[in-house]
Amino acid sequence: MPYVLGGGTELVRLRNAWVMEDIRSVDFNWTPDAPPADFKLEPGPPMPFFVEKANTLGLAALPDDWQRVVVISKDLLSSAPALRGGAVQDDLLSTYRDITERGNGYCGDFVRTFSALALAADIPVRQWAFSFDGFGGYGHIWPEIWNRQQRKWQLVDIFNNAYFTGPDGQILSALAFRQAMLTKPDSIQMHRVVPTARPGYVEEAKAWDYYRRGLNEWYLWWGNNVFEYDQAWLVQALGDMHRSLEQVGGIVQGVQPHVQVLAEPANMRQLEAMWALHIRLRVLFVVSVLATLGLVFCWAAARRAKKNRGEATP
């Protein structure tokens, strides 16, 4: 299911370009024991609502993190009478209720609420995405959890109710899934996380085609601070006006994670275009700030001159 943030794919492209890190080689194989210093880990305790929900679901009593994933997924995929789709793009609590009570929500909404419940259960989580339009808003996002018992990453497509195994029957990580798709796609098996819930694609062939088309534009959101972002005062203040303004608030307040692209020769043209856009946006920002300061200075100087003329009048 494509996702569109902020009212249009081009707005997402602008946002992604602004927060994109410099094009360089990045090691994505880190573990939660030693995360990158600049990865925005959730700094505070989870929101009480999600802690209570994790307790209600009995997540702490389950023996394995994958079983916790299944229970969280069942809560999101099976609570509403039917899943209708459609973007919610609201705060975390409202989004969770819209998904579970009214069946609304697109992949971005599901991933945010899944991440909130996973963190409330102490499960490390990170968010991968891919696009079809040069790192704009036409694409998909899905979470990857760190299974603490098996000590490995495991990919789950929460919105499409799917996970993937290799020839050995082991659940694949995001990077293992992508590598297998590139080299041995027939070796991957797709399974439903919740067998009784609806599949993302009734025809499995369409799902494989969907994943295949996004292989060259993968990126990782460099943070999992869903609660910090949701409760940031500037995000809340601007979020009531428009989703795009909310994200601007997150960037200004410093709670919006950056984007780390999985760079490779196949996407270098798109990356160069994004980095050129990144530079143009930064230059435009500096020019705008300087122009605003210049206008303020001129206004203050004019007021001072007017005041001095008034004082000089006999």
C-alpha atoms as a PDB file:
ATOM      1  CA  MET A   1       0.000   0.000   0.000  1.00  0.00           C
ATOM      2  CA  PRO A   2       1.592   3.318  -1.020  1.00  0.00           C
ATOM      3  CA  TYR A   3       1.851   5.928   1.660  1.00  0.00           C
ATOM      4  CA  VAL A   4       1.624   9.673   1.188  1.00  0.00           C
ATOM      5  CA  LEU A   5       2.680  11.955   4.019  1.00  0.00           C
ATOM      6  CA  GLY A   6       2.000  15.629   4.381  1.00  0.00           C
ATOM      7  CA  GLY A   7      -0.598  15.903   1.648  1.00  0.00           C
ATOM      8  CA  GLY A   8       1.496  14.879  -1.361  1.00  0.00           C
ATOM      9  CA  THR A   9       4.514  12.948  -2.538  1.00  0.00           C
ATOM     10  CA  GLU A  10       6.480  16.095  -3.373  1.00  0.00           C
ATOM     11  CA  LEU A  11       6.066  17.442   0.158  1.00  0.00           C
ATOM     12  CA  VAL A  12       7.494  14.151   1.407  1.00  0.00           C
ATOM     13  CA  ARG A  13      10.396  14.502  -1.021  1.00  0.00           C
ATOM     14  CA  LEU A  14      11.149  17.955   0.382  1.00  0.00           C
ATOM     15  CA  ARG A  15      10.977  16.618   3.925  1.00  0.00           C
ATOM     16  CA  ASN A  16      13.185  13.629   3.108  1.00  0.00           C
ATOM     17  CA  ALA A  17      15.702  15.824   1.306  1.00  0.00           C
ATOM     18  CA  TRP A  18      15.925  18.173   4.283  1.00  0.00           C
ATOM     19  CA  VAL A  19      16.574  15.394   6.825  1.00  0.00           C
ATOM     20  CA  MET A  20      18.688  13.178   4.565  1.00  0.00           C
ATOM     21  CA  GLU A  21      22.199  12.481   5.785  1.00  0.00           C
ATOM     22  CA  ASP A  22      25.207  12.968   3.537  1.00  0.00           C
ATOM     23  CA  ILE A  23      25.676  10.230   0.947  1.00  0.00           C
ATOM     24  CA  ARG A  24      28.204   7.890   2.515  1.00  0.00           C
ATOM     25  CA  SER A  25      28.699   4.264   3.445  1.00  0.00           C
ATOM     26  CA  VAL A  26      26.617   3.401   6.501  1.00  0.00           C
ATOM     27  CA  ASP A  27      26.713   0.196   8.521  1.00  0.00           C
ATOM     28  CA  PHE A  28      23.115  -0.903   8.996  1.00  0.00           C
ATOM     29  CA  ASN A  29      24.075  -4.116  10.779  1.00  0.00           C
ATOM     30  CA  TRP A  30      24.347  -2.566  14.231  1.00  0.00           C
ATOM     31  CA  THR A  31      22.505  -4.055  17.181  1.00  0.00           C
ATOM     32  CA  PRO A  32      20.565  -2.311  19.976  1.00  0.00           C
ATOM     33  CA  ASP A  33      23.460  -3.117  22.313  1.00  0.00           C
ATOM     34  CA  ALA A  34      25.628  -0.652  20.393  1.00  0.00           C
ATOM     35  CA  PRO A  35      23.446   1.714  18.318  1.00  0.00           C
ATOM     36  CA  PRO A  36      24.994   4.551  16.296  1.00  0.00           C
ATOM     37  CA  ALA A  37      25.618   7.618  18.436  1.00  0.00           C
ATOM     38  CA  ASP A  38      23.359   9.781  16.255  1.00  0.00           C
ATOM     39  CA  PHE A  39      20.440   7.333  16.099  1.00  0.00           C
ATOM     40  CA  LYS A  40      17.521   8.996  17.913  1.00  0.00           C
ATOM     41  CA  LEU A  41      16.592   6.390  20.501  1.00  0.00           C
ATOM     42  CA  GLU A  42      13.413   6.976  22.463  1.00  0.00           C
ATOM     43  CA  PRO A  43      14.809   8.968  25.420  1.00  0.00           C
ATOM     44  CA  GLY A  44      11.969   8.750  27.927  1.00  0.00           C
ATOM     45  CA  PRO A  45       9.379   6.328  29.238  1.00  0.00           C
ATOM     46  CA  PRO A  46       6.535   5.211  26.945  1.00  0.00           C
ATOM     47  CA  MET A  47       3.197   6.984  27.146  1.00  0.00           C
ATOM     48  CA  PRO A  48       1.105   5.510  29.997  1.00  0.00           C
ATOM     49  CA  PHE A  49      -1.692   4.512  27.609  1.00  0.00           C
ATOM     50  CA  PHE A  50       0.613   2.226  25.632  1.00  0.00           C
ATOM     51  CA  VAL A  51       2.173   0.782  28.794  1.00  0.00           C
ATOM     52  CA  GLU A  52      -1.318  -0.060  30.029  1.00  0.00           C
ATOM     53  CA  LYS A  53      -2.217  -1.530  26.641  1.00  0.00           C
ATOM     54  CA  ALA A  54       0.927  -3.693  26.676  1.00  0.00           C
ATOM     55  CA  ASN A  55      -0.097  -4.939  30.117  1.00  0.00           C
ATOM     56  CA  THR A  56      -3.652  -5.618  28.963  1.00  0.00           C
ATOM     57  CA  LEU A  57      -2.315  -7.649  26.043  1.00  0.00           C
ATOM     58  CA  GLY A  58      -0.172  -9.664  28.462  1.00  0.00           C
ATOM     59  CA  LEU A  59       3.013  -9.014  26.504  1.00  0.00           C
ATOM     60  CA  ALA A  60       5.368  -9.331  29.484  1.00  0.00           C
ATOM     61  CA  ALA A  61       4.170 -12.879  30.211  1.00  0.00           C
ATOM     62  CA  LEU A  62       4.985 -14.156  26.711  1.00  0.00           C
ATOM     63  CA  PRO A  63       8.247 -16.104  26.373  1.00  0.00           C
ATOM     64  CA  ASP A  64       9.487 -14.688  23.067  1.00  0.00           C
ATOM     65  CA  ASP A  65       9.554 -11.325  21.324  1.00  0.00           C
ATOM     66  CA  TRP A  66       8.128 -12.786  18.121  1.00  0.00           C
ATOM     67  CA  GLN A  67       5.093 -13.994  20.049  1.00  0.00           C
ATOM     68  CA  ARG A  68       4.760 -10.429  21.332  1.00  0.00           C
ATOM     69  CA  VAL A  69       4.883  -9.192  17.727  1.00  0.00           C
ATOM     70  CA  VAL A  70       2.047 -11.557  16.828  1.00  0.00           C
ATOM     71  CA  VAL A  71      -0.119 -10.342  19.726  1.00  0.00           C
ATOM     72  CA  ILE A  72       0.567  -6.664  18.905  1.00  0.00           C
ATOM     73  CA  SER A  73      -0.218  -7.333  15.254  1.00  0.00           C
ATOM     74  CA  LYS A  74      -3.454  -9.109  16.136  1.00  0.00           C
ATOM     75  CA  ASP A  75      -4.511  -6.130  18.244  1.00  0.00           C
ATOM     76  CA  LEU A  76      -3.934  -3.729  15.334  1.00  0.00           C
ATOM     77  CA  LEU A  77      -5.215  -5.965  12.545  1.00  0.00           C
ATOM     78  CA  SER A  78      -8.202  -7.630  14.206  1.00  0.00           C
ATOM     79  CA  SER A  79      -9.750  -5.236  16.714  1.00  0.00           C
ATOM     80  CA  ALA A  80     -11.874  -3.240  14.259  1.00  0.00           C
ATOM     81  CA  PRO A  81     -14.718  -5.020  12.416  1.00  0.00           C
ATOM     82  CA  ALA A  82     -12.942  -4.296   9.120  1.00  0.00           C
ATOM     83  CA  LEU A  83      -9.808  -2.487   7.952  1.00  0.00           C
ATOM     84  CA  ARG A  84     -10.753   0.209   5.475  1.00  0.00           C
ATOM     85  CA  GLY A  85      -7.397   1.935   5.031  1.00  0.00           C
ATOM     86  CA  GLY A  86      -6.905   5.626   4.468  1.00  0.00           C
ATOM     87  CA  ALA A  87      -4.439   7.902   6.204  1.00  0.00           C
ATOM     88  CA  VAL A  88      -5.097   8.964   9.789  1.00  0.00           C
ATOM     89  CA  GLN A  89      -2.031  11.212  10.317  1.00  0.00           C
ATOM     90  CA  ASP A  90      -2.904  12.203  13.856  1.00  0.00           C
ATOM     91  CA  ASP A  91      -1.241  11.937  17.251  1.00  0.00           C
ATOM     92  CA  LEU A  92      -0.311   8.464  18.494  1.00  0.00           C
ATOM     93  CA  LEU A  93      -3.295   7.903  20.758  1.00  0.00           C
ATOM     94  CA  SER A  94      -5.855   9.110  18.208  1.00  0.00           C
ATOM     95  CA  THR A  95      -4.178   7.049  15.495  1.00  0.00           C
ATOM     96  CA  TYR A  96      -4.272   3.890  17.609  1.00  0.00           C
ATOM     97  CA  ARG A  97      -7.962   4.383  18.346  1.00  0.00           C
ATOM     98  CA  ASP A  98      -8.755   5.134  14.708  1.00  0.00           C
ATOM     99  CA  ILE A  99      -7.058   1.881  13.657  1.00  0.00           C
ATOM    100  CA  THR A 100      -8.533  -0.395  16.319  1.00  0.00           C
ATOM    101  CA  GLU A 101     -12.013   1.130  16.608  1.00  0.00           C
ATOM    102  CA  ARG A 102     -12.776   2.341  13.081  1.00  0.00           C
ATOM    103  CA  GLY A 103     -10.405   0.345  10.878  1.00  0.00           C
ATOM    104  CA  ASN A 104      -8.678   3.385   9.410  1.00  0.00           C
ATOM    105  CA  GLY A 105      -4.959   3.784   8.867  1.00  0.00           C
ATOM    106  CA  TYR A 106      -2.322   3.359   6.193  1.00  0.00           C
ATOM    107  CA  CYS A 107       1.123   1.785   6.556  1.00  0.00           C
ATOM    108  CA  GLY A 108       2.690   4.826   8.249  1.00  0.00           C
ATOM    109  CA  ASP A 109      -0.049   4.895  10.891  1.00  0.00           C
ATOM    110  CA  PHE A 110       0.301   1.171  11.564  1.00  0.00           C
ATOM    111  CA  VAL A 111       4.072   1.405  11.891  1.00  0.00           C
ATOM    112  CA  ARG A 112       3.925   4.298  14.364  1.00  0.00           C
ATOM    113  CA  THR A 113       1.435   2.543  16.622  1.00  0.00           C
ATOM    114  CA  PHE A 114       3.210  -0.810  16.265  1.00  0.00           C
ATOM    115  CA  SER A 115       6.460   0.888  17.291  1.00  0.00           C
ATOM    116  CA  ALA A 116       4.742   2.502  20.279  1.00  0.00           C
ATOM    117  CA  LEU A 117       3.439  -0.859  21.522  1.00  0.00           C
ATOM    118  CA  ALA A 118       6.766  -2.589  20.861  1.00  0.00           C
ATOM    119  CA  LEU A 119       8.684   0.037  22.826  1.00  0.00           C
ATOM    120  CA  ALA A 120       6.141  -0.195  25.636  1.00  0.00           C
ATOM    121  CA  ALA A 121       7.010  -3.913  25.767  1.00  0.00           C
ATOM    122  CA  ASP A 122      10.774  -3.101  25.751  1.00  0.00           C
ATOM    123  CA  ILE A 123      11.224  -4.533  22.244  1.00  0.00           C
ATOM    124  CA  PRO A 124      13.850  -2.610  20.228  1.00  0.00           C
ATOM    125  CA  VAL A 125      12.400  -1.486  16.915  1.00  0.00           C
ATOM    126  CA  ARG A 126      13.468   0.505  13.873  1.00  0.00           C
ATOM    127  CA  GLN A 127      11.643   1.588  10.722  1.00  0.00           C
ATOM    128  CA  TRP A 128      12.631   0.797   7.150  1.00  0.00           C
ATOM    129  CA  ALA A 129      11.020   2.359   4.101  1.00  0.00           C
ATOM    130  CA  PHE A 130      11.286   2.214   0.339  1.00  0.00           C
ATOM    131  CA  SER A 131       9.947   4.389  -2.450  1.00  0.00           C
ATOM    132  CA  PHE A 132       9.149   4.139  -6.132  1.00  0.00           C
ATOM    133  CA  ASP A 133       9.588   7.799  -7.045  1.00  0.00           C
ATOM    134  CA  GLY A 134      13.115   8.868  -6.156  1.00  0.00           C
ATOM    135  CA  PHE A 135      12.706   8.914  -2.357  1.00  0.00           C
ATOM    136  CA  GLY A 136       9.440  10.811  -2.405  1.00  0.00           C
ATOM    137  CA  GLY A 137       6.194   9.848  -0.701  1.00  0.00           C
ATOM    138  CA  TYR A 138       5.092   7.042  -2.995  1.00  0.00           C
ATOM    139  CA  GLY A 139       6.238   3.843  -1.316  1.00  0.00           C
ATOM    140  CA  HIS A 140       5.999   1.784   1.852  1.00  0.00           C
ATOM    141  CA  ILE A 141       7.213   1.684   5.451  1.00  0.00           C
ATOM    142  CA  TRP A 142       7.560  -1.340   7.755  1.00  0.00           C
ATOM    143  CA  PRO A 143       9.110  -2.072  11.155  1.00  0.00           C
ATOM    144  CA  GLU A 144      11.948  -4.388  12.074  1.00  0.00           C
ATOM    145  CA  ILE A 145      12.160  -5.680  15.635  1.00  0.00           C
ATOM    146  CA  TRP A 146      15.201  -6.946  17.509  1.00  0.00           C
ATOM    147  CA  ASN A 147      14.315 -10.367  18.895  1.00  0.00           C
ATOM    148  CA  ARG A 148      16.141 -10.323  22.207  1.00  0.00           C
ATOM    149  CA  GLN A 149      15.935 -14.079  22.682  1.00  0.00           C
ATOM    150  CA  GLN A 150      17.305 -14.969  19.236  1.00  0.00           C
ATOM    151  CA  ARG A 151      19.501 -11.871  19.071  1.00  0.00           C
ATOM    152  CA  LYS A 152      18.650 -10.899  15.526  1.00  0.00           C
ATOM    153  CA  TRP A 153      16.532  -8.453  13.568  1.00  0.00           C
ATOM    154  CA  GLN A 154      13.199  -9.657  12.200  1.00  0.00           C
ATOM    155  CA  LEU A 155      11.163  -7.817   9.566  1.00  0.00           C
ATOM    156  CA  VAL A 156       7.389  -7.607   9.831  1.00  0.00           C
ATOM    157  CA  ASP A 157       5.113  -5.931   7.300  1.00  0.00           C
ATOM    158  CA  ILE A 158       2.480  -4.956   9.837  1.00  0.00           C
ATOM    159  CA  PHE A 159       0.193  -3.179   7.382  1.00  0.00           C
ATOM    160  CA  ASN A 160       0.199  -6.047   4.888  1.00  0.00           C
ATOM    161  CA  ASN A 161       0.057  -8.725   7.621  1.00  0.00           C
ATOM    162  CA  ALA A 162       3.182 -10.495   6.394  1.00  0.00           C
ATOM    163  CA  TYR A 163       6.571 -11.791   7.447  1.00  0.00           C
ATOM    164  CA  PHE A 164       9.176 -13.718   5.516  1.00  0.00           C
ATOM    165  CA  THR A 165      11.323 -16.813   6.025  1.00  0.00           C
ATOM    166  CA  GLY A 166      14.344 -18.198   4.208  1.00  0.00           C
ATOM    167  CA  PRO A 167      15.156 -21.780   3.161  1.00  0.00           C
ATOM    168  CA  ASP A 168      15.989 -22.671   6.767  1.00  0.00           C
ATOM    169  CA  GLY A 169      12.583 -21.493   7.987  1.00  0.00           C
ATOM    170  CA  GLN A 170      14.080 -18.608   9.986  1.00  0.00           C
ATOM    171  CA  ILE A 171      12.371 -15.210   9.953  1.00  0.00           C
ATOM    172  CA  LEU A 172      14.329 -12.797   7.775  1.00  0.00           C
ATOM    173  CA  SER A 173      15.687  -9.416   8.745  1.00  0.00           C
ATOM    174  CA  ALA A 174      15.078  -6.440   6.467  1.00  0.00           C
ATOM    175  CA  LEU A 175      18.531  -6.614   4.901  1.00  0.00           C
ATOM    176  CA  ALA A 176      18.380 -10.411   4.505  1.00  0.00           C
ATOM    177  CA  PHE A 177      14.969 -10.089   2.854  1.00  0.00           C
ATOM    178  CA  ARG A 178      16.248  -7.461   0.438  1.00  0.00           C
ATOM    179  CA  GLN A 179      19.377  -9.451  -0.424  1.00  0.00           C
ATOM    180  CA  ALA A 180      17.324 -12.579  -1.057  1.00  0.00           C
ATOM    181  CA  MET A 181      14.923 -10.600  -3.244  1.00  0.00           C
ATOM    182  CA  LEU A 182      17.866  -9.435  -5.333  1.00  0.00           C
ATOM    183  CA  THR A 183      19.625 -12.792  -5.634  1.00  0.00           C
ATOM    184  CA  LYS A 184      17.317 -15.710  -4.788  1.00  0.00           C
ATOM    185  CA  PRO A 185      13.705 -14.492  -4.656  1.00  0.00           C
ATOM    186  CA  ASP A 186      12.346 -18.019  -5.003  1.00  0.00           C
ATOM    187  CA  SER A 187      13.986 -18.949  -1.692  1.00  0.00           C
ATOM    188  CA  ILE A 188      11.671 -16.654   0.325  1.00  0.00           C
ATOM    189  CA  GLN A 189       8.376 -17.741   1.806  1.00  0.00           C
ATOM    190  CA  MET A 190       5.676 -15.222   2.772  1.00  0.00           C
ATOM    191  CA  HIS A 191       3.451 -15.887   5.783  1.00  0.00           C
ATOM    192  CA  ARG A 192       0.620 -14.069   7.530  1.00  0.00           C
ATOM    193  CA  VAL A 193       1.513 -12.706  10.949  1.00  0.00           C
ATOM    194  CA  VAL A 194      -2.120 -13.110  11.999  1.00  0.00           C
ATOM    195  CA  PRO A 195      -3.674 -15.984  10.002  1.00  0.00           C
ATOM    196  CA  THR A 196      -7.234 -14.860  10.727  1.00  0.00           C
ATOM    197  CA  ALA A 197      -6.674 -11.230   9.675  1.00  0.00           C
ATOM    198  CA  ARG A 198      -6.897  -9.909   6.143  1.00  0.00           C
ATOM    199  CA  PRO A 199      -3.818 -10.156   3.911  1.00  0.00           C
ATOM    200  CA  GLY A 200      -2.393  -7.010   2.390  1.00  0.00           C
ATOM    201  CA  TYR A 201      -2.659  -8.626  -1.035  1.00  0.00           C
ATOM    202  CA  VAL A 202      -5.177 -11.299  -1.933  1.00  0.00           C
ATOM    203  CA  GLU A 203      -2.980 -12.255  -4.891  1.00  0.00           C
ATOM    204  CA  GLU A 204       0.477 -13.000  -3.549  1.00  0.00           C
ATOM    205  CA  ALA A 205       2.115 -12.336  -6.925  1.00  0.00           C
ATOM    206  CA  LYS A 206       1.089  -8.683  -6.647  1.00  0.00           C
ATOM    207  CA  ALA A 207       2.788  -8.420  -3.277  1.00  0.00           C
ATOM    208  CA  TRP A 208       6.047  -9.799  -4.640  1.00  0.00           C
ATOM    209  CA  ASP A 209       5.882  -7.382  -7.566  1.00  0.00           C
ATOM    210  CA  TYR A 210       5.262  -4.512  -5.146  1.00  0.00           C
ATOM    211  CA  TYR A 211       8.294  -5.374  -2.993  1.00  0.00           C
ATOM    212  CA  ARG A 212      10.446  -5.960  -6.077  1.00  0.00           C
ATOM    213  CA  ARG A 213       9.721  -2.532  -7.552  1.00  0.00           C
ATOM    214  CA  GLY A 214      11.000  -0.802  -4.409  1.00  0.00           C
ATOM    215  CA  LEU A 215      14.306  -2.651  -4.042  1.00  0.00           C
ATOM    216  CA  ASN A 216      16.486   0.200  -5.353  1.00  0.00           C
ATOM    217  CA  GLU A 217      15.189   2.914  -3.025  1.00  0.00           C
ATOM    218  CA  TRP A 218      15.486   1.618   0.519  1.00  0.00           C
ATOM    219  CA  TYR A 219      16.234   3.844   3.499  1.00  0.00           C
ATOM    220  CA  LEU A 220      16.185   3.645   7.282  1.00  0.00           C
ATOM    221  CA  TRP A 221      14.639   6.230   9.558  1.00  0.00           C
ATOM    222  CA  TRP A 222      17.511   7.102  11.887  1.00  0.00           C
ATOM    223  CA  GLY A 223      15.482   7.033  15.097  1.00  0.00           C
ATOM    224  CA  ASN A 224      12.631   5.308  16.914  1.00  0.00           C
ATOM    225  CA  ASN A 225      11.620   8.197  19.208  1.00  0.00           C
ATOM    226  CA  VAL A 226       7.897   7.980  18.475  1.00  0.00           C
ATOM    227  CA  PHE A 227       6.854   9.178  21.949  1.00  0.00           C
ATOM    228  CA  GLU A 228       9.332  12.074  22.070  1.00  0.00           C
ATOM    229  CA  TYR A 229       8.167  13.236  18.648  1.00  0.00           C
ATOM    230  CA  ASP A 230       4.475  12.867  19.477  1.00  0.00           C
ATOM    231  CA  GLN A 231       4.768  14.865  22.718  1.00  0.00           C
ATOM    232  CA  ALA A 232       7.061  17.633  21.429  1.00  0.00           C
ATOM    233  CA  TRP A 233       5.309  20.945  22.045  1.00  0.00           C
ATOM    234  CA  LEU A 234       6.021  22.372  18.590  1.00  0.00           C
ATOM    235  CA  VAL A 235       4.775  19.179  16.917  1.00  0.00           C
ATOM    236  CA  GLN A 236       1.549  19.390  18.910  1.00  0.00           C
ATOM    237  CA  ALA A 237       1.081  23.105  18.296  1.00  0.00           C
ATOM    238  CA  LEU A 238       1.579  22.907  14.524  1.00  0.00           C
ATOM    239  CA  GLY A 239      -0.048  19.505  14.110  1.00  0.00           C
ATOM    240  CA  ASP A 240      -3.479  21.025  14.667  1.00  0.00           C
ATOM    241  CA  MET A 241      -2.932  23.193  11.602  1.00  0.00           C
ATOM    242  CA  HIS A 242      -1.497  20.753   9.041  1.00  0.00           C
ATOM    243  CA  ARG A 243       0.521  17.547   8.900  1.00  0.00           C
ATOM    244  CA  SER A 244       3.307  19.216   6.940  1.00  0.00           C
ATOM    245  CA  LEU A 245       3.592  21.998   9.520  1.00  0.00           C
ATOM    246  CA  GLU A 246       3.752  19.358  12.243  1.00  0.00           C
ATOM    247  CA  GLN A 247       6.786  17.815  10.552  1.00  0.00           C
ATOM    248  CA  VAL A 248       8.387  21.238  10.200  1.00  0.00           C
ATOM    249  CA  GLY A 249       7.856  21.618  13.943  1.00  0.00           C
ATOM    250  CA  GLY A 250       9.561  18.276  14.517  1.00  0.00           C
ATOM    251  CA  ILE A 251      12.548  19.354  12.436  1.00  0.00           C
ATOM    252  CA  VAL A 252      12.835  22.741  14.165  1.00  0.00           C
ATOM    253  CA  GLN A 253      12.568  21.183  17.632  1.00  0.00           C
ATOM    254  CA  GLY A 254      15.106  18.505  16.722  1.00  0.00           C
ATOM    255  CA  VAL A 255      12.897  15.454  17.276  1.00  0.00           C
ATOM    256  CA  GLN A 256      12.464  14.447  13.613  1.00  0.00           C
ATOM    257  CA  PRO A 257      14.820  11.532  12.828  1.00  0.00           C
ATOM    258  CA  HIS A 258      17.118  11.815   9.855  1.00  0.00           C
ATOM    259  CA  VAL A 259      17.071   9.499   6.839  1.00  0.00           C
ATOM    260  CA  GLN A 260      19.936   7.140   6.047  1.00  0.00           C
ATOM    261  CA  VAL A 261      19.703   5.820   2.504  1.00  0.00           C
ATOM    262  CA  LEU A 262      20.926   2.376   1.532  1.00  0.00           C
ATOM    263  CA  ALA A 263      23.226   3.769  -1.140  1.00  0.00           C
ATOM    264  CA  GLU A 264      24.232   1.664  -4.129  1.00  0.00           C
ATOM    265  CA  PRO A 265      25.069   2.241  -7.812  1.00  0.00           C
ATOM    266  CA  ALA A 266      21.465   1.548  -8.848  1.00  0.00           C
ATOM    267  CA  ASN A 267      20.128   4.555  -6.935  1.00  0.00           C
ATOM    268  CA  MET A 268      23.038   6.969  -7.234  1.00  0.00           C
ATOM    269  CA  ARG A 269      21.209   9.172  -9.730  1.00  0.00           C
ATOM    270  CA  GLN A 270      18.231   9.539  -7.385  1.00  0.00           C
ATOM    271  CA  LEU A 271      20.541  10.162  -4.435  1.00  0.00           C
ATOM    272  CA  GLU A 272      22.454  12.877  -6.235  1.00  0.00           C
ATOM    273  CA  ALA A 273      19.173  14.572  -7.146  1.00  0.00           C
ATOM    274  CA  MET A 274      18.051  14.387  -3.503  1.00  0.00           C
ATOM    275  CA  TRP A 275      21.340  15.759  -2.221  1.00  0.00           C
ATOM    276  CA  ALA A 276      21.186  18.640  -4.710  1.00  0.00           C
ATOM    277  CA  LEU A 277      17.670  19.365  -3.425  1.00  0.00           C
ATOM    278  CA  HIS A 278      18.988  19.149   0.149  1.00  0.00           C
ATOM    279  CA  ILE A 279      21.602  21.817  -0.608  1.00  0.00           C
ATOM    280  CA  ARG A 280      19.074  24.069  -2.373  1.00  0.00           C
ATOM    281  CA  LEU A 281      16.719  23.856   0.593  1.00  0.00           C
ATOM    282  CA  ARG A 282      19.482  24.721   3.042  1.00  0.00           C
ATOM    283  CA  VAL A 283      20.593  27.681   0.909  1.00  0.00           C
ATOM    284  CA  LEU A 284      16.984  28.856   0.585  1.00  0.00           C
ATOM    285  CA  PHE A 285      16.600  28.606   4.350  1.00  0.00           C
ATOM    286  CA  VAL A 286      19.729  30.689   5.002  1.00  0.00           C
ATOM    287  CA  VAL A 287      18.685  33.288   2.432  1.00  0.00           C
ATOM    288  CA  SER A 288      15.188  33.463   3.952  1.00  0.00           C
ATOM    289  CA  VAL A 289      16.584  33.946   7.449  1.00  0.00           C
ATOM    290  CA  LEU A 290      18.969  36.668   6.265  1.00  0.00           C
ATOM    291  CA  ALA A 291      16.188  38.375   4.313  1.00  0.00           C
ATOM    292  CA  THR A 292      13.922  38.290   7.360  1.00  0.00           C
ATOM    293  CA  LEU A 293      16.659  39.712   9.577  1.00  0.00           C
ATOM    294  CA  GLY A 294      17.294  42.417   6.971  1.00  0.00           C
ATOM    295  CA  LEU A 295      13.621  43.370   6.940  1.00  0.00           C
ATOM    296  CA  VAL A 296      13.526  43.492  10.732  1.00  0.00           C
ATOM    297  CA  PHE A 297      16.672  45.652  10.774  1.00  0.00           C
ATOM    298  CA  CYS A 298      15.228  48.037   8.178  1.00  0.00           C
ATOM    299  CA  TRP A 299      11.939  48.262  10.068  1.00  0.00           C
ATOM    300  CA  ALA A 300      13.743  48.987  13.342  1.00  0.00           C
ATOM    301  CA  ALA A 301      15.976  51.585  11.656  1.00  0.00           C
ATOM    302  CA  ALA A 302      12.952  53.289  10.093  1.00  0.00           C
ATOM    303  CA  ARG A 303      11.179  53.462  13.450  1.00  0.00           C
ATOM    304  CA  ARG A 304      14.289  54.846  15.116  1.00  0.00           C
ATOM    305  CA  ALA A 305      14.704  57.476  12.381  1.00  0.00           C
ATOM    306  CA  LYS A 306      11.052  58.471  12.664  1.00  0.00           C
ATOM    307  CA  LYS A 307      11.381  58.784  16.410  1.00  0.00           C
ATOM    308  CA  ASN A 308      14.536  60.911  16.077  1.00  0.00           C
ATOM    309  CA  ARG A 309      12.788  63.207  13.589  1.00  0.00           C
ATOM    310  CA  GLY A 310       9.941  63.663  16.013  1.00  0.00           C
ATOM    311  CA  GLU A 311      12.301  64.530  18.842  1.00  0.00           C
ATOM    312  CA  ALA A 312      14.130  67.044  16.645  1.00  0.00           C
ATOM    313  CA  THR A 313      10.941  68.921  15.751  1.00  0.00           C
ATOM    314  CA  PRO A 314      10.877  72.313  17.648  1.00  0.00           C
END
